[in-house]
N, C-alpha and C. Protein backbone atom coordinates (compact mmCIF):
# COMPACT_ATOMS: atom_id res chain seq x y z
N UNK A 1 62.78 61.29 73.38
CA UNK A 1 63.00 62.32 74.13
C UNK A 1 62.97 61.30 75.05
N UNK A 2 64.42 61.52 76.32
CA UNK A 2 64.91 60.94 76.97
C UNK A 2 63.84 61.05 78.68
N UNK A 3 64.38 60.10 79.47
CA UNK A 3 63.58 60.44 80.76
C UNK A 3 64.39 61.17 81.62
N UNK A 4 63.90 61.75 82.53
CA UNK A 4 64.76 62.40 83.57
C UNK A 4 65.17 61.63 84.66
N UNK A 5 66.23 61.87 85.92
CA UNK A 5 66.45 61.58 86.99
C UNK A 5 65.53 60.83 87.67
N UNK A 6 65.06 61.70 88.12
CA UNK A 6 63.59 61.75 88.96
C UNK A 6 62.91 60.38 88.63
N UNK A 7 62.55 60.34 87.01
CA UNK A 7 61.82 59.07 86.31
C UNK A 7 62.80 57.37 86.30
N UNK A 8 64.04 58.13 85.82
CA UNK A 8 64.44 56.80 85.98
C UNK A 8 64.83 55.98 87.64
N UNK A 9 64.80 56.98 88.81
CA UNK A 9 64.95 56.72 90.23
C UNK A 9 63.53 56.20 90.28
N UNK A 10 62.25 56.70 90.21
CA UNK A 10 61.08 56.02 90.53
C UNK A 10 60.69 54.67 90.41
N UNK A 11 60.57 54.27 92.02
CA UNK A 11 60.15 53.14 92.24
C UNK A 11 61.39 52.12 92.07
N UNK A 12 62.46 52.48 91.87
CA UNK A 12 63.95 51.30 91.51
C UNK A 12 64.04 50.84 93.19
N UNK A 13 64.52 49.53 92.95
CA UNK A 13 64.94 49.07 94.13
C UNK A 13 66.39 49.47 94.36
N UNK A 14 66.88 48.72 95.70
CA UNK A 14 68.53 48.55 96.06
C UNK A 14 68.96 48.11 95.33
N UNK A 15 70.12 48.48 94.71
CA UNK A 15 70.74 47.56 93.77
C UNK A 15 71.62 46.57 94.54
N UNK A 16 72.65 45.13 94.00
CA UNK A 16 72.82 44.58 94.56
C UNK A 16 74.68 45.16 95.67
N UNK A 17 74.81 46.14 95.42
CA UNK A 17 75.62 46.90 96.42
C UNK A 17 75.13 47.23 97.41
N UNK A 18 74.03 47.96 97.36
CA UNK A 18 73.53 48.44 98.64
C UNK A 18 72.93 47.34 99.32
N UNK A 19 72.51 46.62 98.77
CA UNK A 19 71.83 45.13 99.60
C UNK A 19 73.07 44.43 100.11
N UNK A 20 74.00 44.70 99.74
CA UNK A 20 75.43 44.02 100.55
C UNK A 20 75.73 44.71 101.47
N UNK A 21 75.76 46.25 101.50
CA UNK A 21 76.04 46.98 102.55
C UNK A 21 75.12 47.11 103.31
N UNK A 22 74.00 46.39 103.76
CA UNK A 22 72.57 46.65 104.77
C UNK A 22 71.93 48.02 104.05
N UNK A 23 71.77 48.67 102.84
CA UNK A 23 70.97 49.44 102.49
C UNK A 23 69.56 49.03 101.95
N UNK A 24 69.34 47.82 102.07
CA UNK A 24 67.72 47.17 101.00
C UNK A 24 66.66 47.70 101.28
N UNK A 25 66.62 48.66 102.32
CA UNK A 25 65.74 49.55 102.93
C UNK A 25 65.51 50.55 102.37
N UNK A 26 66.00 50.72 101.51
CA UNK A 26 66.40 52.26 100.55
C UNK A 26 65.15 52.13 99.63
N UNK A 27 64.37 53.60 99.58
CA UNK A 27 63.47 53.60 98.46
C UNK A 27 63.56 53.99 97.06
N UNK A 28 65.04 54.59 97.26
CA UNK A 28 65.61 54.61 95.97
C UNK A 28 67.26 54.00 95.92
N UNK A 29 67.43 53.60 94.93
CA UNK A 29 69.03 53.35 95.02
C UNK A 29 70.15 54.19 94.43
N UNK A 30 71.08 54.89 94.76
CA UNK A 30 71.39 56.09 93.98
C UNK A 30 72.96 56.30 94.38
N UNK A 31 73.08 54.76 94.57
CA UNK A 31 74.88 54.65 95.19
C UNK A 31 75.19 53.82 93.81
N UNK A 32 74.91 53.16 93.15
CA UNK A 32 75.49 52.33 92.04
C UNK A 32 75.38 52.98 90.71
N UNK A 33 74.40 53.39 90.41
CA UNK A 33 74.02 53.36 88.80
C UNK A 33 74.50 54.92 88.27
N UNK A 34 74.62 56.07 89.00
CA UNK A 34 74.91 57.08 88.61
C UNK A 34 75.81 57.50 87.94
N UNK A 35 76.97 57.16 88.78
CA UNK A 35 78.39 57.71 88.67
C UNK A 35 79.15 57.04 87.86
N UNK A 36 79.16 57.72 86.73
CA UNK A 36 79.93 56.88 85.39
C UNK A 36 80.68 58.14 84.69
N UNK A 37 81.53 57.87 83.78
CA UNK A 37 82.82 58.62 82.88
C UNK A 37 81.93 59.68 82.24
N UNK A 38 80.56 59.76 81.98
CA UNK A 38 80.12 60.96 81.55
C UNK A 38 79.52 62.09 82.07
N UNK A 39 79.11 61.54 83.68
CA UNK A 39 78.43 62.34 84.37
C UNK A 39 79.07 62.97 86.04
N UNK A 40 80.49 62.62 86.31
CA UNK A 40 80.55 62.81 87.68
C UNK A 40 82.08 63.27 88.14
N UNK A 41 82.17 64.54 88.32
CA UNK A 41 83.42 64.97 88.45
C UNK A 41 84.34 64.10 89.31
N UNK A 42 83.43 63.52 90.84
CA UNK A 42 84.34 62.62 91.63
C UNK A 42 85.00 61.63 91.04
N UNK A 43 83.24 60.94 89.96
CA UNK A 43 84.17 59.45 89.55
C UNK A 43 85.30 59.66 88.74
N UNK A 44 85.68 60.40 87.87
CA UNK A 44 86.56 60.57 86.84
C UNK A 44 87.83 61.35 87.64
N UNK A 45 87.55 62.13 88.69
CA UNK A 45 88.94 62.17 89.38
C UNK A 45 89.42 61.11 90.01
N UNK A 46 88.57 60.07 90.60
CA UNK A 46 89.30 58.89 91.12
C UNK A 46 89.63 57.91 90.28
N UNK A 47 88.88 58.12 89.32
CA UNK A 47 89.45 56.80 88.15
C UNK A 47 90.65 57.38 87.50
N UNK A 48 91.02 58.08 87.33
CA UNK A 48 91.94 58.79 86.00
C UNK A 48 92.84 59.58 86.95
N UNK A 49 92.86 59.21 88.23
CA UNK A 49 93.78 59.58 89.49
C UNK A 49 95.00 58.84 89.13
N UNK A 50 96.44 59.17 89.12
CA UNK A 50 97.34 58.63 89.00
C UNK A 50 97.68 57.35 89.89
N UNK A 51 97.44 57.55 91.17
CA UNK A 51 97.37 56.77 92.10
C UNK A 51 96.49 55.69 91.93
N UNK A 52 96.19 54.34 92.20
CA UNK A 52 95.42 53.50 92.22
C UNK A 52 94.19 53.94 92.95
N UNK A 53 92.93 54.10 93.03
CA UNK A 53 91.46 54.30 93.87
C UNK A 53 91.85 52.96 94.89
N UNK A 54 91.33 53.58 96.08
CA UNK A 54 90.95 52.45 97.19
C UNK A 54 89.55 52.56 97.00
N UNK A 55 89.19 50.97 96.87
CA UNK A 55 87.82 50.70 97.45
C UNK A 55 87.05 51.14 98.34
N UNK A 56 87.52 51.01 99.60
CA UNK A 56 87.36 51.86 100.99
C UNK A 56 86.53 53.19 100.58
N UNK A 57 87.43 54.17 100.03
CA UNK A 57 87.25 55.23 99.52
C UNK A 57 85.73 55.48 99.16
N UNK A 58 85.84 54.44 97.90
CA UNK A 58 84.50 54.68 96.81
C UNK A 58 83.07 54.14 97.53
N UNK A 59 83.39 53.62 98.38
CA UNK A 59 82.65 52.75 99.54
C UNK A 59 82.27 54.41 100.86
N UNK A 60 83.47 54.79 100.62
CA UNK A 60 82.58 56.15 101.96
C UNK A 60 81.53 56.97 101.13
N UNK A 61 82.05 57.15 99.83
CA UNK A 61 81.66 58.20 98.78
C UNK A 61 80.26 57.68 98.48
N UNK A 62 79.70 56.39 98.17
CA UNK A 62 78.80 55.83 97.73
C UNK A 62 77.93 55.79 98.97
N UNK A 63 78.31 55.81 100.67
CA UNK A 63 77.59 55.69 101.44
C UNK A 63 77.14 57.19 102.03
N UNK A 64 78.15 58.47 101.53
CA UNK A 64 77.41 59.50 101.57
C UNK A 64 76.48 60.05 100.48
N UNK A 65 76.77 59.59 99.25
CA UNK A 65 75.43 59.95 98.23
C UNK A 65 73.99 59.47 98.92
N UNK A 66 74.47 58.20 99.42
CA UNK A 66 73.21 57.18 99.82
C UNK A 66 72.58 58.30 101.30
N UNK A 67 73.06 58.90 101.92
CA UNK A 67 72.75 59.55 103.06
C UNK A 67 72.04 60.54 102.52
N UNK A 68 72.65 61.44 101.92
CA UNK A 68 72.36 62.86 101.45
C UNK A 68 70.74 62.80 100.75
N UNK A 69 70.17 63.55 100.78
CA UNK A 69 68.71 63.96 100.17
C UNK A 69 68.72 63.71 98.67
N UNK A 70 67.51 62.72 98.32
CA UNK A 70 67.79 62.71 96.62
C UNK A 70 67.74 63.99 95.94
N UNK A 71 67.13 64.92 96.16
CA UNK A 71 67.00 66.60 95.55
C UNK A 71 68.98 66.82 95.33
N UNK A 72 69.36 66.79 96.40
CA UNK A 72 70.97 67.30 96.10
C UNK A 72 71.95 66.34 95.53
N UNK A 73 71.67 64.94 95.71
CA UNK A 73 71.99 63.56 94.74
C UNK A 73 71.93 64.30 93.20
N UNK A 74 70.79 64.57 93.02
CA UNK A 74 69.94 64.91 91.43
C UNK A 74 70.89 66.49 91.39
N UNK A 75 70.56 67.41 91.78
CA UNK A 75 71.79 68.61 91.95
C UNK A 75 72.71 68.20 91.66
N UNK A 76 73.60 67.28 92.41
CA UNK A 76 75.28 67.35 91.80
C UNK A 76 75.21 66.83 90.79
N UNK A 77 74.42 65.76 90.32
CA UNK A 77 74.76 65.28 89.38
C UNK A 77 74.16 65.99 87.69
N UNK A 78 73.20 66.71 87.92
CA UNK A 78 72.90 67.38 87.10
C UNK A 78 73.99 68.92 86.63
N UNK A 79 74.40 69.18 88.03
CA UNK A 79 75.68 69.97 88.01
C UNK A 79 77.16 69.80 86.61
N UNK A 80 76.87 68.63 87.73
CA UNK A 80 78.80 67.86 87.35
C UNK A 80 78.47 67.46 86.17
N UNK A 81 77.21 67.32 85.62
CA UNK A 81 77.02 66.47 84.08
C UNK A 81 78.13 67.29 83.09
N UNK A 82 77.19 68.74 83.26
CA UNK A 82 77.34 70.00 82.72
C UNK A 82 78.66 70.19 82.66
N UNK A 83 79.62 69.85 84.04
CA UNK A 83 81.18 70.63 83.79
C UNK A 83 81.98 69.34 83.40
N UNK A 84 81.61 68.24 83.23
CA UNK A 84 82.23 66.99 82.57
C UNK A 84 82.11 66.76 81.54
N UNK A 85 81.05 67.59 81.04
CA UNK A 85 80.74 67.64 79.15
C UNK A 85 81.81 69.07 78.55
N UNK A 86 81.83 69.84 79.66
CA UNK A 86 83.14 71.02 79.15
C UNK A 86 84.07 70.71 79.34
N UNK A 87 84.25 69.75 80.25
CA UNK A 87 85.89 69.59 80.04
C UNK A 87 86.35 68.42 79.19
N UNK A 88 85.25 67.58 78.55
CA UNK A 88 85.68 66.97 77.44
C UNK A 88 85.95 67.50 76.44
N UNK A 89 85.12 68.41 75.93
CA UNK A 89 85.04 69.26 75.17
C UNK A 89 86.61 70.22 74.98
N UNK A 90 86.59 71.02 75.66
CA UNK A 90 87.84 71.40 76.27
C UNK A 90 89.12 70.62 76.20
N UNK A 91 89.03 69.49 76.90
CA UNK A 91 90.58 69.09 76.47
C UNK A 91 90.36 68.03 75.70
N UNK A 92 89.67 67.76 75.22
CA UNK A 92 89.58 66.47 73.91
C UNK A 92 90.31 65.44 74.59
N UNK A 93 91.29 64.85 74.06
CA UNK A 93 91.79 63.58 74.21
C UNK A 93 93.23 63.91 75.08
N UNK A 94 93.26 65.23 75.86
CA UNK A 94 94.07 65.07 76.87
C UNK A 94 93.11 65.43 78.42
N UNK A 95 92.19 64.92 78.38
CA UNK A 95 90.93 65.16 79.61
C UNK A 95 91.59 64.57 80.65
N UNK A 96 92.05 63.44 80.50
CA UNK A 96 92.56 62.38 81.44
C UNK A 96 93.67 63.43 82.33
N UNK A 97 94.36 64.22 81.66
CA UNK A 97 95.15 64.90 82.30
C UNK A 97 94.70 66.00 83.87
N UNK A 98 93.64 66.72 82.98
CA UNK A 98 92.76 67.26 84.09
C UNK A 98 92.62 66.56 86.10
N UNK A 99 91.97 65.41 85.37
CA UNK A 99 91.45 64.65 86.62
C UNK A 99 92.24 64.39 87.65
N UNK A 100 93.39 64.40 87.58
CA UNK A 100 94.49 64.14 89.35
C UNK A 100 94.41 65.58 89.25
N UNK A 101 94.55 66.31 88.77
CA UNK A 101 94.56 68.13 89.31
C UNK A 101 93.27 68.35 90.01
N UNK A 102 92.23 67.27 89.52
CA UNK A 102 90.98 67.86 90.68
C UNK A 102 90.83 67.12 91.42
N UNK A 103 91.53 65.73 91.56
CA UNK A 103 91.46 64.91 92.73
C UNK A 103 92.28 65.43 93.68
N UNK A 104 93.71 66.06 93.48
CA UNK A 104 94.15 66.51 94.40
C UNK A 104 93.42 67.95 95.09
N UNK A 105 93.05 68.59 94.25
CA UNK A 105 92.68 69.67 94.32
C UNK A 105 90.81 69.94 95.29
N UNK A 106 90.52 68.89 95.11
CA UNK A 106 88.77 68.58 95.63
C UNK A 106 88.67 67.42 96.45
N UNK A 107 89.13 66.39 95.90
CA UNK A 107 88.43 64.76 95.92
C UNK A 107 89.14 64.51 97.53
N UNK A 108 90.33 64.75 97.00
CA UNK A 108 91.32 63.95 98.17
C UNK A 108 90.46 64.68 99.82
N UNK A 109 90.62 66.22 99.92
CA UNK A 109 89.97 66.46 100.96
C UNK A 109 88.72 65.83 101.58
N UNK A 110 87.82 65.91 100.34
CA UNK A 110 86.30 64.97 100.40
C UNK A 110 86.50 63.98 101.22
N UNK A 111 87.17 63.10 100.56
CA UNK A 111 87.14 61.36 101.42
C UNK A 111 88.55 61.56 102.33
N UNK A 112 88.88 62.67 103.04
CA UNK A 112 89.65 62.58 104.37
C UNK A 112 88.72 62.89 105.43
N UNK A 113 87.81 64.05 104.83
CA UNK A 113 86.78 64.49 105.61
C UNK A 113 85.53 62.92 105.88
N UNK A 114 85.33 62.21 104.62
CA UNK A 114 84.49 60.81 105.13
C UNK A 114 85.36 60.21 106.03
N UNK A 115 86.54 59.84 106.29
CA UNK A 115 87.29 58.62 106.59
C UNK A 115 87.03 58.87 108.21
N UNK A 116 86.92 60.62 108.75
CA UNK A 116 86.56 60.90 109.41
C UNK A 116 85.44 60.80 110.26
N UNK A 117 84.31 60.51 109.48
CA UNK A 117 83.03 60.66 109.49
C UNK A 117 82.26 61.91 109.41
N UNK A 118 83.03 62.84 108.58
CA UNK A 118 82.53 64.31 108.86
C UNK A 118 81.57 64.41 107.48
N UNK A 119 80.75 63.84 107.62
CA UNK A 119 79.95 63.82 105.96
C UNK A 119 79.34 65.41 105.66
N UNK A 120 78.89 66.21 106.42
CA UNK A 120 78.65 67.68 106.52
C UNK A 120 79.27 68.52 105.71
N UNK A 121 80.46 68.44 106.21
CA UNK A 121 81.55 69.48 105.63
C UNK A 121 82.24 68.77 104.30
N UNK A 122 82.41 67.32 104.15
CA UNK A 122 82.33 66.60 102.82
C UNK A 122 80.92 67.29 101.76
N UNK A 123 80.13 66.94 102.42
CA UNK A 123 79.08 67.36 101.24
C UNK A 123 78.85 68.85 101.14
N UNK A 124 79.15 69.45 102.04
CA UNK A 124 79.72 71.49 101.70
C UNK A 124 80.67 71.56 100.52
N UNK A 125 81.94 71.02 100.78
CA UNK A 125 83.07 70.83 100.12
C UNK A 125 82.67 70.25 98.41
N UNK A 126 81.62 69.24 98.57
CA UNK A 126 81.53 68.57 97.04
C UNK A 126 80.48 69.75 96.21
N UNK A 127 79.61 70.57 97.24
CA UNK A 127 78.81 71.69 96.50
C UNK A 127 79.97 72.66 96.29
N UNK A 128 80.75 72.85 96.93
CA UNK A 128 81.99 74.13 96.80
C UNK A 128 82.79 74.14 95.92
N UNK A 129 83.22 73.21 95.45
CA UNK A 129 83.59 72.37 94.15
C UNK A 129 82.84 73.05 92.66
N UNK A 130 81.87 72.31 93.13
CA UNK A 130 81.15 72.53 91.85
C UNK A 130 80.61 73.94 91.64
N UNK A 131 80.61 74.79 92.59
CA UNK A 131 80.37 76.25 92.71
C UNK A 131 81.87 76.89 91.88
N UNK A 132 83.19 76.45 92.37
CA UNK A 132 84.24 76.64 91.81
C UNK A 132 84.70 76.34 90.34
N UNK A 133 83.88 75.28 89.96
CA UNK A 133 84.42 74.89 88.63
C UNK A 133 83.42 75.17 87.45
N UNK A 134 82.16 75.59 88.22
CA UNK A 134 80.86 76.21 87.28
C UNK A 134 81.45 77.87 87.07
N UNK A 135 82.29 78.42 87.80
CA UNK A 135 82.92 79.52 87.79
C UNK A 135 84.18 79.61 86.85
N UNK A 136 84.89 78.38 86.89
CA UNK A 136 85.82 78.30 85.92
C UNK A 136 86.13 77.96 84.67
N UNK A 137 84.79 77.42 83.96
CA UNK A 137 84.35 76.80 83.14
C UNK A 137 82.92 77.19 82.80
N UNK A 138 82.23 78.74 83.40
CA UNK A 138 81.44 79.47 82.93
C UNK A 138 80.95 80.04 81.71
N UNK A 139 81.97 79.75 80.67
CA UNK A 139 81.56 80.36 79.50
C UNK A 139 80.76 79.33 78.69
N UNK A 140 80.81 78.28 78.82
CA UNK A 140 79.89 77.21 78.28
C UNK A 140 78.57 76.56 78.93
N UNK A 141 78.74 77.08 80.30
CA UNK A 141 78.07 76.49 80.79
C UNK A 141 76.53 77.02 81.20
C-alpha cells in the first residue's frame, strides 16, 4: 500500500528550488516534487506545447503553488491526476496532441494572469479548468 500525498509532504523541508528562490522557511515544499507527466494537466500542457516553454512561466506557476493552501494544492493534484490518467487512456500514443490544445484553452490565460500578479483569478481559473475537464471526461472519472 502506498502513502498519501499528505504523508509524503509531512515533515519535508524545502527543496533546492525553493531555497534558491528564498522560500526556505516553508513548512512543506510543494513547489518542485509534485508536477509530473503522470499527474499534472498544467505540466503536460507546458511540456508538450509546440512552443518552447519559458522557465519564467514555470517559476510563476511554482510561486503560485507555494502561495496557496496545502489543501488546495492537494485537491488540484488529486483531481488533475484522474484527468491525466483518463486522457492517457483515451488518447493512447497520440495523447501529446491533446496538450497544446489544453495549453491554449486554459494554461496560457493562467500564466498571463500570473504575469500581472493576479494570483486569485489564476487560481480560480485552474479550478474552473478542472471542473470543465471533469465534466468532459466524466464517464471514466
